[in-house]
Each structure stands twice: as C-alpha cells, then as structure tokens.
Protein backbone atom coordinates (compact mmCIF):
# COMPACT_ATOMS: atom_id res chain seq x y z
CA UNK A 1 -27.62 -132.99 -48.25
CA UNK A 2 -25.54 -130.00 -49.35
CA UNK A 3 -26.25 -128.63 -52.77
CA UNK A 4 -23.38 -127.23 -54.79
CA UNK A 5 -22.86 -123.47 -54.58
CA UNK A 6 -23.19 -121.69 -57.89
CA UNK A 7 -20.56 -119.29 -59.13
CA UNK A 8 -22.94 -116.31 -58.71
CA UNK A 9 -23.71 -117.18 -55.06
CA UNK A 10 -20.01 -117.64 -54.34
CA UNK A 11 -19.27 -114.19 -55.78
CA UNK A 12 -22.00 -112.54 -53.63
CA UNK A 13 -20.94 -114.13 -50.33
CA UNK A 14 -17.80 -112.55 -48.89
CA UNK A 15 -15.08 -114.95 -47.85
CA UNK A 16 -14.03 -115.16 -44.20
CA UNK A 17 -11.34 -112.64 -43.36
CA UNK A 18 -12.56 -110.02 -45.81
CA UNK A 19 -12.96 -106.41 -44.61
CA UNK A 20 -16.28 -105.43 -43.07
CA UNK A 21 -18.67 -103.60 -45.35
CA UNK A 22 -20.98 -100.70 -44.53
CA UNK A 23 -23.95 -103.01 -45.12
CA UNK A 24 -22.62 -105.52 -42.55
CA UNK A 25 -22.06 -102.75 -40.00
CA UNK A 26 -25.64 -101.57 -40.52
CA UNK A 27 -26.89 -105.10 -39.98
CA UNK A 28 -24.89 -105.32 -36.75
CA UNK A 29 -26.44 -102.08 -35.45
CA UNK A 30 -29.95 -103.23 -36.39
CA UNK A 31 -29.84 -106.83 -35.15
CA UNK A 32 -27.62 -106.55 -32.06
CA UNK A 33 -27.86 -108.17 -29.42
CA UNK A 34 -29.43 -111.20 -31.14
CA UNK A 35 -26.42 -113.23 -32.25
CA UNK A 36 -28.75 -115.89 -33.69
CA UNK A 37 -30.17 -113.37 -36.16
CA UNK A 38 -26.71 -112.01 -36.87
CA UNK A 39 -25.39 -115.51 -37.65
CA UNK A 40 -28.32 -116.07 -40.03
CA UNK A 41 -27.76 -112.76 -41.80
CA UNK A 42 -23.96 -113.09 -41.87
CA UNK A 43 -23.19 -116.83 -42.10
CA UNK A 44 -19.64 -116.18 -43.31
CA UNK A 45 -18.72 -114.39 -40.03
CA UNK A 46 -17.94 -116.32 -36.84
CA UNK A 47 -19.55 -115.45 -33.50
CA UNK A 48 -16.23 -114.20 -32.15
CA UNK A 49 -15.80 -111.99 -35.24
CA UNK A 50 -19.30 -110.58 -34.69
CA UNK A 51 -18.57 -109.86 -31.02
CA UNK A 52 -15.26 -108.21 -31.87
CA UNK A 53 -16.85 -106.01 -34.55
CA UNK A 54 -19.70 -104.98 -32.22
CA UNK A 55 -17.13 -103.90 -29.60
CA UNK A 56 -15.11 -102.10 -32.27
CA UNK A 57 -18.17 -100.16 -33.46
CA UNK A 58 -19.02 -99.18 -29.88
CA UNK A 59 -22.48 -100.74 -29.91
CA UNK A 60 -21.85 -102.68 -26.71
CA UNK A 61 -21.86 -100.92 -23.35
CA UNK A 62 -18.60 -101.70 -21.62
CA UNK A 63 -18.84 -103.22 -18.18
CA UNK A 64 -17.96 -100.80 -15.40
CA UNK A 65 -15.50 -102.06 -12.80
CA UNK A 66 -16.23 -100.34 -9.50
CA UNK A 67 -13.29 -99.00 -7.51
CA UNK A 68 -13.15 -99.01 -3.72
CA UNK A 69 -13.44 -95.21 -3.71
CA UNK A 70 -16.64 -95.34 -5.79
CA UNK A 71 -18.13 -98.02 -3.54
CA UNK A 72 -17.37 -95.92 -0.46
CA UNK A 73 -18.94 -92.86 -2.11
CA UNK A 74 -22.01 -94.93 -3.08
CA UNK A 75 -22.45 -96.29 0.44
CA UNK A 76 -22.16 -92.76 1.93
CA UNK A 77 -24.69 -91.42 -0.58
CA UNK A 78 -27.20 -94.11 0.37
CA UNK A 79 -26.62 -93.51 4.10
CA UNK A 80 -27.33 -89.79 3.51
CA UNK A 81 -30.51 -90.67 1.53
CA UNK A 82 -29.31 -88.80 -1.58
CA UNK A 83 -32.04 -88.39 -4.28
CA UNK A 84 -31.69 -90.10 -7.68
CA UNK A 85 -30.73 -86.98 -9.62
CA UNK A 86 -27.74 -86.41 -7.30
CA UNK A 87 -26.76 -90.09 -7.54
CA UNK A 88 -26.48 -89.72 -11.32
CA UNK A 89 -24.33 -86.61 -10.84
CA UNK A 90 -22.05 -88.46 -8.39
CA UNK A 91 -21.38 -91.22 -10.93
CA UNK A 92 -21.24 -89.68 -14.43
CA UNK A 93 -21.29 -92.15 -17.28
CA UNK A 94 -23.33 -94.72 -15.34
CA UNK A 95 -27.02 -95.35 -15.70
CA UNK A 96 -29.23 -95.11 -12.61
CA UNK A 97 -30.04 -98.82 -12.93
CA UNK A 98 -26.34 -99.70 -12.73
CA UNK A 99 -25.90 -97.52 -9.64
CA UNK A 100 -28.89 -99.00 -7.83
CA UNK A 101 -27.89 -102.55 -8.77
CA UNK A 102 -24.44 -102.01 -7.28
CA UNK A 103 -25.98 -100.51 -4.13
CA UNK A 104 -28.17 -103.59 -3.75
CA UNK A 105 -25.18 -105.84 -4.40
CA UNK A 106 -23.08 -104.22 -1.65
CA UNK A 107 -26.14 -104.18 0.65
CA UNK A 108 -26.13 -100.41 1.05
CA UNK A 109 -28.80 -99.13 3.45
CA UNK A 110 -32.15 -98.35 1.83
CA UNK A 111 -32.76 -94.71 1.10
CA UNK A 112 -35.82 -93.06 2.58
CA UNK A 113 -37.63 -90.16 1.01
CA UNK A 114 -37.37 -86.91 2.87
CA UNK A 115 -40.38 -86.18 5.06
CA UNK A 116 -42.75 -83.61 3.65
CA UNK A 117 -43.83 -80.75 5.91
CA UNK A 118 -47.51 -79.94 5.33
CA UNK A 119 -47.98 -77.00 7.64
CA UNK A 120 -50.78 -78.83 9.48
CA UNK A 121 -49.64 -79.05 13.09
CA UNK A 122 -51.33 -82.38 13.90
CA UNK A 123 -50.17 -84.16 10.73
CA UNK A 124 -46.61 -82.85 10.98
CA UNK A 125 -46.38 -83.80 14.67
CA UNK A 126 -47.57 -87.36 14.02
CA UNK A 127 -45.21 -87.83 11.08
CA UNK A 128 -42.29 -86.42 13.08
CA UNK A 129 -43.04 -88.67 16.07
CA UNK A 130 -43.40 -91.77 13.86
CA UNK A 131 -40.08 -90.96 12.16
CA UNK A 132 -38.36 -90.52 15.53
CA UNK A 133 -39.67 -93.94 16.63
CA UNK A 134 -38.54 -95.52 13.34
CA UNK A 135 -42.09 -96.31 12.22
CA UNK A 136 -42.75 -96.01 8.49
CA UNK A 137 -45.97 -94.58 7.10
CA UNK A 138 -46.97 -98.06 5.95
CA UNK A 139 -46.47 -99.45 9.45
CA UNK A 140 -48.27 -96.47 11.02
CA UNK A 141 -51.30 -97.01 8.79
CA UNK A 142 -51.31 -100.73 9.54
CA UNK A 143 -51.06 -100.37 13.30
CA UNK A 144 -53.52 -97.46 13.55
CA UNK A 145 -55.94 -99.08 11.07
CA UNK A 146 -56.17 -95.90 8.99
CA UNK A 147 -56.15 -97.45 5.52
CA UNK A 148 -53.52 -95.56 3.53
CA UNK A 149 -54.09 -92.14 5.08
CA UNK A 150 -50.46 -91.44 6.04
CA UNK A 151 -48.99 -93.24 3.01
CA UNK A 152 -50.90 -91.03 0.59
CA UNK A 153 -49.48 -87.86 2.15
CA UNK A 154 -52.90 -86.30 2.53
CA UNK A 155 -52.83 -82.63 3.45
CA UNK A 156 -56.41 -82.70 4.72
CA UNK A 157 -56.54 -83.23 8.47
CA UNK A 158 -59.11 -85.87 9.38
CA UNK A 159 -59.89 -86.38 13.05
CA UNK A 160 -60.36 -90.16 13.08
CA UNK A 161 -56.98 -91.16 11.53
CA UNK A 162 -55.17 -88.44 13.47
CA UNK A 163 -56.66 -89.50 16.82
CA UNK A 164 -55.91 -93.19 16.16
CA UNK A 165 -52.31 -92.42 15.20
CA UNK A 166 -51.85 -90.08 18.17
CA UNK A 167 -53.11 -92.76 20.58
CA UNK A 168 -50.83 -95.35 18.99
CA UNK A 169 -47.80 -93.07 19.32
CA UNK A 170 -48.53 -92.23 22.96
CA UNK A 171 -50.18 -88.84 22.46
CA UNK A 172 -53.63 -87.39 22.57
CA UNK A 173 -55.69 -84.96 20.55
CA UNK A 174 -56.85 -81.90 22.45
CA UNK A 175 -59.34 -79.38 21.14
CA UNK A 176 -58.89 -75.89 22.50
CA UNK A 177 -61.38 -73.08 22.05
CA UNK A 178 -60.03 -69.64 21.42
CA UNK A 179 -61.63 -66.87 23.38
CA UNK A 180 -61.80 -63.93 21.03
CA UNK A 181 -62.03 -60.70 22.92
C-alpha cells in the first residue's frame, strides 16, 4: 500500500527531467556499474537516463571496434611472438586484456617466449634441438622423465636430466678429458 508523500519529501526529491546535480554525478561515479544500487539511490532517474549520464561523464569504457588493418597487425605480431610491452605499444589506448582477448577470438597463433641462452653448452644444445623438433620444455620433461628440470630454466647442469634428454633427442653425452701440457 502506497503511503502519501509529504510536501517536504516531494521538495527533496527532484522531478524527472531536472538537470543533474553534482551530488548525483558523484553517486554515479561511486556506484557504477551496479545499476541496482543506482536505481535505489536515484529512484527518480530511469535506467536509460542513468546509462546516458554515465556515458556523458566518461565513466564507461567505450567498446573498441577492430578494423581489418588492426586485426592483420595483431595476427602478424602474434606470429612474430612479440612480447606484451610491444603489443601495448602497437595498440595504444587498448588494455592488454582487450588485445589478448581479440587474439584469442581470431585464433591467432600462440606466442612462445624467446629461448634463453645460458652459456652452458649441454643445456643450450638440448634446448636448441628440442625447439628445432617442435618439442616444448613441458613435453621434453614429460618424455625424458626429468620432473620440471627444463621448465624451470635451471642454469645448473645436472648429468642425469641432460643424459636422458640427449638420449630422447637422438644424441649422446660424451665426456672428454683435457690433456694439459
């Protein structure tokens, strides 16, 4: 049952169509994106009026419409395995999440991290050979039963994982003695 509105309450509640106040704009900034809370706080404003005002104030991020040129550039960047910081530079004004979501949507090839060179001949040779055969570090560890030795990018050469990986990749470990004169 609706109770009658007193004259004081009617004077405090703005009528629909009245100009937006600074207080209402502050409420929009604080409570956005919850339109339920906004409707409770501002019952005299319609949902479409709230949405229009939020757009007008610039609170809402506008949806980016990708052009064919941008999609081509994105696909090429993913094929070249471009790092995240360069992706952000290629598409100014877009968040990294938006860029990656679009790449997933267009089924761009997955980027691989650049291989690290350790300076240890055995480790570098095994990693290079695995990369040439298209075997990831995860797959190499699984097949060679080396735990996570190659995934963790260990710089310490350990004979057992290295010999297992070398055998798996069709190589062998040879120990040579130097004859110091």
